[in-house]
Every structure is written in C-alpha cells, then in structure tokens.
PDB file of all heavy atoms in Angstrom:
ATOM      1  N   LEU A   1      93.058 104.879 137.786  1.00  0.00           N
ATOM      2  CA  LEU A   1      93.000 103.891 138.875  1.00  0.00           C
ATOM      3  C   LEU A   1      92.054 102.745 138.515  1.00  0.00           C
ATOM      4  O   LEU A   1      92.344 101.584 138.798  1.00  0.00           O
ATOM      5  CB  LEU A   1      92.554 104.556 140.178  1.00  0.00           C
ATOM      6  CG  LEU A   1      93.599 105.439 140.855  1.00  0.00           C
ATOM      7  CD1 LEU A   1      92.951 106.273 141.957  1.00  0.00           C
ATOM      8  CD2 LEU A   1      94.741 104.607 141.410  1.00  0.00           C
ATOM      9  N   SER A   2      90.935 103.074 137.884  1.00  0.00           N
ATOM     10  CA  SER A   2      89.989 102.035 137.452  1.00  0.00           C
ATOM     11  C   SER A   2      90.615 101.129 136.398  1.00  0.00           C
ATOM     12  O   SER A   2      90.432  99.906 136.428  1.00  0.00           O
ATOM     13  CB  SER A   2      88.715 102.666 136.897  1.00  0.00           C
ATOM     14  OG  SER A   2      88.025 103.333 137.918  1.00  0.00           O
ATOM     15  N   LEU A   3      91.347 101.723 135.473  1.00  0.00           N
ATOM     16  CA  LEU A   3      92.029 100.935 134.447  1.00  0.00           C
ATOM     17  C   LEU A   3      93.066 100.016 135.089  1.00  0.00           C
ATOM     18  O   LEU A   3      93.154  98.831 134.753  1.00  0.00           O
ATOM     19  CB  LEU A   3      92.691 101.845 133.430  1.00  0.00           C
ATOM     20  CG  LEU A   3      93.480 101.165 132.313  1.00  0.00           C
ATOM     21  CD1 LEU A   3      92.592 100.250 131.494  1.00  0.00           C
ATOM     22  CD2 LEU A   3      94.132 102.207 131.422  1.00  0.00           C
ATOM     23  N   GLY A   4      93.839 100.569 136.024  1.00  0.00           N
ATOM     24  CA  GLY A   4      94.825  99.753 136.737  1.00  0.00           C
ATOM     25  C   GLY A   4      94.168  98.588 137.452  1.00  0.00           C
ATOM     26  O   GLY A   4      94.659  97.456 137.416  1.00  0.00           O
ATOM     27  N   ASP A   5      93.023  98.850 138.091  1.00  0.00           N
ATOM     28  CA  ASP A   5      92.291  97.795 138.788  1.00  0.00           C
ATOM     29  C   ASP A   5      91.845  96.715 137.814  1.00  0.00           C
ATOM     30  O   ASP A   5      91.982  95.516 138.082  1.00  0.00           O
ATOM     31  CB  ASP A   5      91.086  98.400 139.504  1.00  0.00           C
ATOM     32  CG  ASP A   5      90.343  97.394 140.348  1.00  0.00           C
ATOM     33  OD1 ASP A   5      90.991  96.660 141.130  1.00  0.00           O
ATOM     34  OD2 ASP A   5      89.104  97.331 140.234  1.00  0.00           O
ATOM     35  N   ALA A   6      91.346  97.142 136.656  1.00  0.00           N
ATOM     36  CA  ALA A   6      90.905  96.180 135.641  1.00  0.00           C
ATOM     37  C   ALA A   6      92.065  95.338 135.121  1.00  0.00           C
ATOM     38  O   ALA A   6      91.875  94.193 134.721  1.00  0.00           O
ATOM     39  CB  ALA A   6      90.227  96.910 134.485  1.00  0.00           C
ATOM     40  N   LEU A   7      93.267  95.909 135.144  1.00  0.00           N
ATOM     41  CA  LEU A   7      94.450  95.180 134.671  1.00  0.00           C
ATOM     42  C   LEU A   7      95.128  94.380 135.781  1.00  0.00           C
ATOM     43  O   LEU A   7      96.151  93.743 135.557  1.00  0.00           O
ATOM     44  CB  LEU A   7      95.455  96.166 134.060  1.00  0.00           C
ATOM     45  CG  LEU A   7      94.996  96.849 132.772  1.00  0.00           C
ATOM     46  CD1 LEU A   7      95.975  97.953 132.389  1.00  0.00           C
ATOM     47  CD2 LEU A   7      94.876  95.830 131.656  1.00  0.00           C
ATOM     48  N   GLY A   8      94.575  94.447 136.991  1.00  0.00           N
ATOM     49  CA  GLY A   8      95.118  93.677 138.096  1.00  0.00           C
ATOM     50  C   GLY A   8      96.236  94.369 138.866  1.00  0.00           C
ATOM     51  O   GLY A   8      96.941  93.728 139.640  1.00  0.00           O
ATOM     52  N   VAL A   9      96.400  95.673 138.667  1.00  0.00           N
ATOM     53  CA  VAL A   9      97.419  96.423 139.397  1.00  0.00           C
ATOM     54  C   VAL A   9      96.865  96.719 140.792  1.00  0.00           C
ATOM     55  O   VAL A   9      95.751  97.245 140.913  1.00  0.00           O
ATOM     56  CB  VAL A   9      97.761  97.744 138.674  1.00  0.00           C
ATOM     57  CG1 VAL A   9      98.742  98.569 139.477  1.00  0.00           C
ATOM     58  CG2 VAL A   9      98.291  97.463 137.282  1.00  0.00           C
ATOM     59  N   PRO A  10      97.602  96.393 141.839  1.00  0.00           N
ATOM     60  CA  PRO A  10      97.115  96.688 143.192  1.00  0.00           C
ATOM     61  C   PRO A  10      96.865  98.194 143.360  1.00  0.00           C
ATOM     62  O   PRO A  10      97.687  99.011 142.924  1.00  0.00           O
ATOM     63  CB  PRO A  10      98.255  96.228 144.100  1.00  0.00           C
ATOM     64  CG  PRO A  10      99.038  95.257 143.274  1.00  0.00           C
ATOM     65  CD  PRO A  10      98.897  95.717 141.854  1.00  0.00           C
ATOM     66  N   PRO A  11      95.735  98.569 143.958  1.00  0.00           N
ATOM     67  CA  PRO A  11      95.417  99.990 144.123  1.00  0.00           C
ATOM     68  C   PRO A  11      96.506 100.787 144.833  1.00  0.00           C
ATOM     69  O   PRO A  11      96.763 101.942 144.483  1.00  0.00           O
ATOM     70  CB  PRO A  11      94.130  99.983 144.944  1.00  0.00           C
ATOM     71  CG  PRO A  11      93.526  98.649 144.684  1.00  0.00           C
ATOM     72  CD  PRO A  11      94.677  97.708 144.474  1.00  0.00           C
ATOM     73  N   SER A  12      97.165 100.191 145.809  1.00  0.00           N
ATOM     74  CA  SER A  12      98.227 100.913 146.522  1.00  0.00           C
ATOM     75  C   SER A  12      99.406 101.229 145.598  1.00  0.00           C
ATOM     76  O   SER A  12      99.987 102.314 145.674  1.00  0.00           O
ATOM     77  CB  SER A  12      98.702 100.120 147.741  1.00  0.00           C
ATOM     78  OG  SER A  12      99.179  98.847 147.346  1.00  0.00           O
ATOM     79  N   ALA A  13      99.735 100.300 144.707  1.00  0.00           N
ATOM     80  CA  ALA A  13     100.822 100.542 143.754  1.00  0.00           C
ATOM     81  C   ALA A  13     100.417 101.612 142.751  1.00  0.00           C
ATOM     82  O   ALA A  13     101.200 102.514 142.437  1.00  0.00           O
ATOM     83  CB  ALA A  13     101.187  99.251 143.027  1.00  0.00           C
ATOM     84  N   ALA A  14      99.195 101.538 142.251  1.00  0.00           N
ATOM     85  CA  ALA A  14      98.719 102.534 141.292  1.00  0.00           C
ATOM     86  C   ALA A  14      98.689 103.916 141.929  1.00  0.00           C
ATOM     87  O   ALA A  14      99.119 104.897 141.317  1.00  0.00           O
ATOM     88  CB  ALA A  14      97.341 102.152 140.780  1.00  0.00           C
ATOM     89  N   ALA A  15      98.203 104.011 143.147  1.00  0.00           N
ATOM     90  CA  ALA A  15      98.130 105.303 143.833  1.00  0.00           C
ATOM     91  C   ALA A  15      99.518 105.892 144.066  1.00  0.00           C
ATOM     92  O   ALA A  15      99.699 107.106 144.033  1.00  0.00           O
ATOM     93  CB  ALA A  15      97.399 105.152 145.157  1.00  0.00           C
ATOM     94  N   GLU A  16     100.485 105.044 144.266  1.00  0.00           N
ATOM     95  CA  GLU A  16     101.869 105.501 144.485  1.00  0.00           C
ATOM     96  C   GLU A  16     102.527 105.934 143.174  1.00  0.00           C
ATOM     97  O   GLU A  16     103.236 106.938 143.127  1.00  0.00           O
ATOM     98  CB  GLU A  16     102.671 104.354 145.111  1.00  0.00           C
ATOM     99  CG  GLU A  16     104.099 104.686 145.428  1.00  0.00           C
ATOM    100  CD  GLU A  16     104.301 105.182 146.835  1.00  0.00           C
ATOM    101  OE1 GLU A  16     103.429 104.959 147.680  1.00  0.00           O
ATOM    102  OE2 GLU A  16     105.352 105.787 147.066  1.00  0.00           O
ATOM    103  N   LEU A  17     102.298 105.184 142.112  1.00  0.00           N
ATOM    104  CA  LEU A  17     103.016 105.419 140.857  1.00  0.00           C
ATOM    105  C   LEU A  17     102.339 106.392 139.897  1.00  0.00           C
ATOM    106  O   LEU A  17     103.024 107.121 139.172  1.00  0.00           O
ATOM    107  CB  LEU A  17     103.227 104.083 140.144  1.00  0.00           C
ATOM    108  CG  LEU A  17     104.102 103.075 140.890  1.00  0.00           C
ATOM    109  CD1 LEU A  17     104.076 101.739 140.177  1.00  0.00           C
ATOM    110  CD2 LEU A  17     105.508 103.601 141.034  1.00  0.00           C
ATOM    111  N   LEU A  18     101.028 106.417 139.851  1.00  0.00           N
ATOM    112  CA  LEU A  18     100.336 107.229 138.857  1.00  0.00           C
ATOM    113  C   LEU A  18     100.657 108.728 138.926  1.00  0.00           C
ATOM    114  O   LEU A  18     100.869 109.343 137.877  1.00  0.00           O
ATOM    115  CB  LEU A  18      98.828 107.005 138.926  1.00  0.00           C
ATOM    116  CG  LEU A  18      98.346 105.766 138.199  1.00  0.00           C
ATOM    117  CD1 LEU A  18      96.862 105.523 138.470  1.00  0.00           C
ATOM    118  CD2 LEU A  18      98.589 105.857 136.706  1.00  0.00           C
ATOM    119  N   PRO A  19     100.723 109.361 140.091  1.00  0.00           N
ATOM    120  CA  PRO A  19     101.053 110.792 140.100  1.00  0.00           C
ATOM    121  C   PRO A  19     102.428 111.097 139.504  1.00  0.00           C
ATOM    122  O   PRO A  19     102.603 112.100 138.805  1.00  0.00           O
ATOM    123  CB  PRO A  19     100.989 111.174 141.577  1.00  0.00           C
ATOM    124  CG  PRO A  19     100.052 110.175 142.177  1.00  0.00           C
ATOM    125  CD  PRO A  19     100.325 108.894 141.418  1.00  0.00           C
ATOM    126  N   VAL A  20     103.389 110.221 139.739  1.00  0.00           N
ATOM    127  CA  VAL A  20     104.734 110.427 139.192  1.00  0.00           C
ATOM    128  C   VAL A  20     104.710 110.249 137.672  1.00  0.00           C
ATOM    129  O   VAL A  20     105.262 111.069 136.923  1.00  0.00           O
ATOM    130  CB  VAL A  20     105.737 109.435 139.837  1.00  0.00           C
ATOM    131  CG1 VAL A  20     107.106 109.572 139.221  1.00  0.00           C
ATOM    132  CG2 VAL A  20     105.787 109.645 141.344  1.00  0.00           C
ATOM    133  N   ILE A  21     104.057 109.198 137.216  1.00  0.00           N
ATOM    134  CA  ILE A  21     103.948 108.942 135.780  1.00  0.00           C
ATOM    135  C   ILE A  21     103.195 110.085 135.100  1.00  0.00           C
ATOM    136  O   ILE A  21     103.595 110.568 134.043  1.00  0.00           O
ATOM    137  CB  ILE A  21     103.244 107.587 135.530  1.00  0.00           C
ATOM    138  CG1 ILE A  21     104.108 106.444 136.051  1.00  0.00           C
ATOM    139  CG2 ILE A  21     102.908 107.405 134.057  1.00  0.00           C
ATOM    140  CD1 ILE A  21     103.377 105.112 136.128  1.00  0.00           C
ATOM    141  N   GLU A  22     102.106 110.542 135.733  1.00  0.00           N
ATOM    142  CA  GLU A  22     101.312 111.629 135.165  1.00  0.00           C
ATOM    143  C   GLU A  22     102.150 112.895 134.986  1.00  0.00           C
ATOM    144  O   GLU A  22     102.100 113.541 133.929  1.00  0.00           O
ATOM    145  CB  GLU A  22     100.116 111.941 136.063  1.00  0.00           C
ATOM    146  CG  GLU A  22      99.311 113.124 135.568  1.00  0.00           C
ATOM    147  CD  GLU A  22      98.353 113.676 136.602  1.00  0.00           C
ATOM    148  OE1 GLU A  22      98.602 113.556 137.813  1.00  0.00           O
ATOM    149  OE2 GLU A  22      97.355 114.271 136.174  1.00  0.00           O
ATOM    150  N   ALA A  23     102.924 113.265 135.983  1.00  0.00           N
ATOM    151  CA  ALA A  23     103.730 114.490 135.914  1.00  0.00           C
ATOM    152  C   ALA A  23     104.718 114.441 134.749  1.00  0.00           C
ATOM    153  O   ALA A  23     104.868 115.418 134.006  1.00  0.00           O
ATOM    154  CB  ALA A  23     104.468 114.707 137.231  1.00  0.00           C
ATOM    155  N   VAL A  24     105.382 113.306 134.576  1.00  0.00           N
ATOM    156  CA  VAL A  24     106.355 113.166 133.481  1.00  0.00           C
ATOM    157  C   VAL A  24     105.650 113.192 132.130  1.00  0.00           C
ATOM    158  O   VAL A  24     106.078 113.891 131.202  1.00  0.00           O
ATOM    159  CB  VAL A  24     107.185 111.875 133.648  1.00  0.00           C
ATOM    160  CG1 VAL A  24     108.049 111.616 132.431  1.00  0.00           C
ATOM    161  CG2 VAL A  24     108.034 111.957 134.914  1.00  0.00           C
ATOM    162  N   MET A  25     104.552 112.463 132.006  1.00  0.00           N
ATOM    163  CA  MET A  25     103.834 112.405 130.728  1.00  0.00           C
ATOM    164  C   MET A  25     103.251 113.765 130.341  1.00  0.00           C
ATOM    165  O   MET A  25     103.314 114.162 129.178  1.00  0.00           O
ATOM    166  CB  MET A  25     102.725 111.354 130.785  1.00  0.00           C
ATOM    167  CG  MET A  25     103.252 109.934 130.797  1.00  0.00           C
ATOM    168  SD  MET A  25     104.249 109.534 129.346  1.00  0.00           S
ATOM    169  CE  MET A  25     103.097 109.792 128.038  1.00  0.00           C
ATOM    170  N   VAL A  26     102.703 114.504 131.296  1.00  0.00           N
ATOM    171  CA  VAL A  26     102.158 115.831 131.001  1.00  0.00           C
ATOM    172  C   VAL A  26     103.268 116.755 130.519  1.00  0.00           C
ATOM    173  O   VAL A  26     103.115 117.472 129.530  1.00  0.00           O
ATOM    174  CB  VAL A  26     101.426 116.407 132.234  1.00  0.00           C
ATOM    175  CG1 VAL A  26     101.160 117.898 132.079  1.00  0.00           C
ATOM    176  CG2 VAL A  26     100.117 115.661 132.463  1.00  0.00           C
ATOM    177  N   ALA A  27     104.402 116.733 131.201  1.00  0.00           N
ATOM    178  CA  ALA A  27     105.531 117.577 130.795  1.00  0.00           C
ATOM    179  C   ALA A  27     106.000 117.223 129.387  1.00  0.00           C
ATOM    180  O   ALA A  27     106.226 118.109 128.547  1.00  0.00           O
ATOM    181  CB  ALA A  27     106.680 117.440 131.790  1.00  0.00           C
ATOM    182  N   LYS A  28     106.133 115.942 129.104  1.00  0.00           N
ATOM    183  CA  LYS A  28     106.607 115.509 127.782  1.00  0.00           C
ATOM    184  C   LYS A  28     105.599 115.822 126.686  1.00  0.00           C
ATOM    185  O   LYS A  28     105.978 116.245 125.592  1.00  0.00           O
ATOM    186  CB  LYS A  28     106.944 114.013 127.787  1.00  0.00           C
ATOM    187  CG  LYS A  28     108.123 113.664 128.665  1.00  0.00           C
ATOM    188  CD  LYS A  28     109.374 114.348 128.177  1.00  0.00           C
ATOM    189  CE  LYS A  28     110.563 114.016 129.029  1.00  0.00           C
ATOM    190  NZ  LYS A  28     111.765 114.731 128.611  1.00  0.00           N
ATOM    191  N   LEU A  29     104.305 115.627 126.951  1.00  0.00           N
ATOM    192  CA  LEU A  29     103.285 115.955 125.954  1.00  0.00           C
ATOM    193  C   LEU A  29     103.286 117.446 125.649  1.00  0.00           C
ATOM    194  O   LEU A  29     103.182 117.853 124.491  1.00  0.00           O
ATOM    195  CB  LEU A  29     101.907 115.516 126.444  1.00  0.00           C
ATOM    196  CG  LEU A  29     101.627 114.029 126.398  1.00  0.00           C
ATOM    197  CD1 LEU A  29     100.343 113.708 127.149  1.00  0.00           C
ATOM    198  CD2 LEU A  29     101.519 113.556 124.954  1.00  0.00           C
ATOM    199  N   ASN A  30     103.404 118.271 126.680  1.00  0.00           N
ATOM    200  CA  ASN A  30     103.432 119.720 126.457  1.00  0.00           C
ATOM    201  C   ASN A  30     104.684 120.146 125.712  1.00  0.00           C
ATOM    202  O   ASN A  30     104.626 121.015 124.838  1.00  0.00           O
ATOM    203  CB  ASN A  30     103.282 120.473 127.776  1.00  0.00           C
ATOM    204  CG  ASN A  30     101.852 120.412 128.288  1.00  0.00           C
ATOM    205  OD1 ASN A  30     100.905 120.409 127.519  1.00  0.00           O
ATOM    206  ND2 ASN A  30     101.705 120.363 129.593  1.00  0.00           N
ATOM    207  N   GLU A  31     105.826 119.539 126.017  1.00  0.00           N
ATOM    208  CA  GLU A  31     107.056 119.829 125.273  1.00  0.00           C
ATOM    209  C   GLU A  31     106.867 119.478 123.795  1.00  0.00           C
ATOM    210  O   GLU A  31     107.250 120.245 122.913  1.00  0.00           O
ATOM    211  CB  GLU A  31     108.234 119.019 125.817  1.00  0.00           C
ATOM    212  CG  GLU A  31     108.798 119.508 127.117  1.00  0.00           C
ATOM    213  CD  GLU A  31     109.885 118.574 127.653  1.00  0.00           C
ATOM    214  OE1 GLU A  31     110.406 117.728 126.875  1.00  0.00           O
ATOM    215  OE2 GLU A  31     110.196 118.670 128.850  1.00  0.00           O
ATOM    216  N   GLN A  32     106.276 118.332 123.549  1.00  0.00           N
ATOM    217  CA  GLN A  32     106.075 117.880 122.176  1.00  0.00           C
ATOM    218  C   GLN A  32     105.127 118.823 121.426  1.00  0.00           C
ATOM    219  O   GLN A  32     105.346 119.128 120.257  1.00  0.00           O
ATOM    220  CB  GLN A  32     105.523 116.458 122.171  1.00  0.00           C
ATOM    221  CG  GLN A  32     105.381 115.864 120.793  1.00  0.00           C
ATOM    222  CD  GLN A  32     104.898 114.426 120.836  1.00  0.00           C
ATOM    223  OE1 GLN A  32     104.429 113.941 121.866  1.00  0.00           O
ATOM    224  NE2 GLN A  32     104.983 113.743 119.729  1.00  0.00           N
ATOM    225  N   MET A  33     104.095 119.293 122.083  1.00  0.00           N
ATOM    226  CA  MET A  33     103.124 120.189 121.436  1.00  0.00           C
ATOM    227  C   MET A  33     103.724 121.565 121.169  1.00  0.00           C
ATOM    228  O   MET A  33     103.280 122.262 120.252  1.00  0.00           O
ATOM    229  CB  MET A  33     101.868 120.324 122.280  1.00  0.00           C
ATOM    230  CG  MET A  33     101.054 119.053 122.273  1.00  0.00           C
ATOM    231  SD  MET A  33      99.406 119.133 123.012  1.00  0.00           S
ATOM    232  CE  MET A  33      99.600 120.095 124.450  1.00  0.00           C
TER     233      MET A  33
END
C-alpha cells in the first residue's frame, strides 16, 4: 500500500486490487517453486 501511494495509486484502488493480485501471485510463485 505504501508503494502504491508513492506511485500515485489511490489508496481505495490499491486496497481493492492488492488482495486479488496477491492471491494469484502467491499461487503462481508456489506452483513455480
């Protein structure tokens, strides 16, 4: 969220999108490992 803020991403958008992005990235990283 801090990184998003530094990049100018509205906090409401980051809060909405980050959990979804995190879930997909964690699944893909674990599959790759």
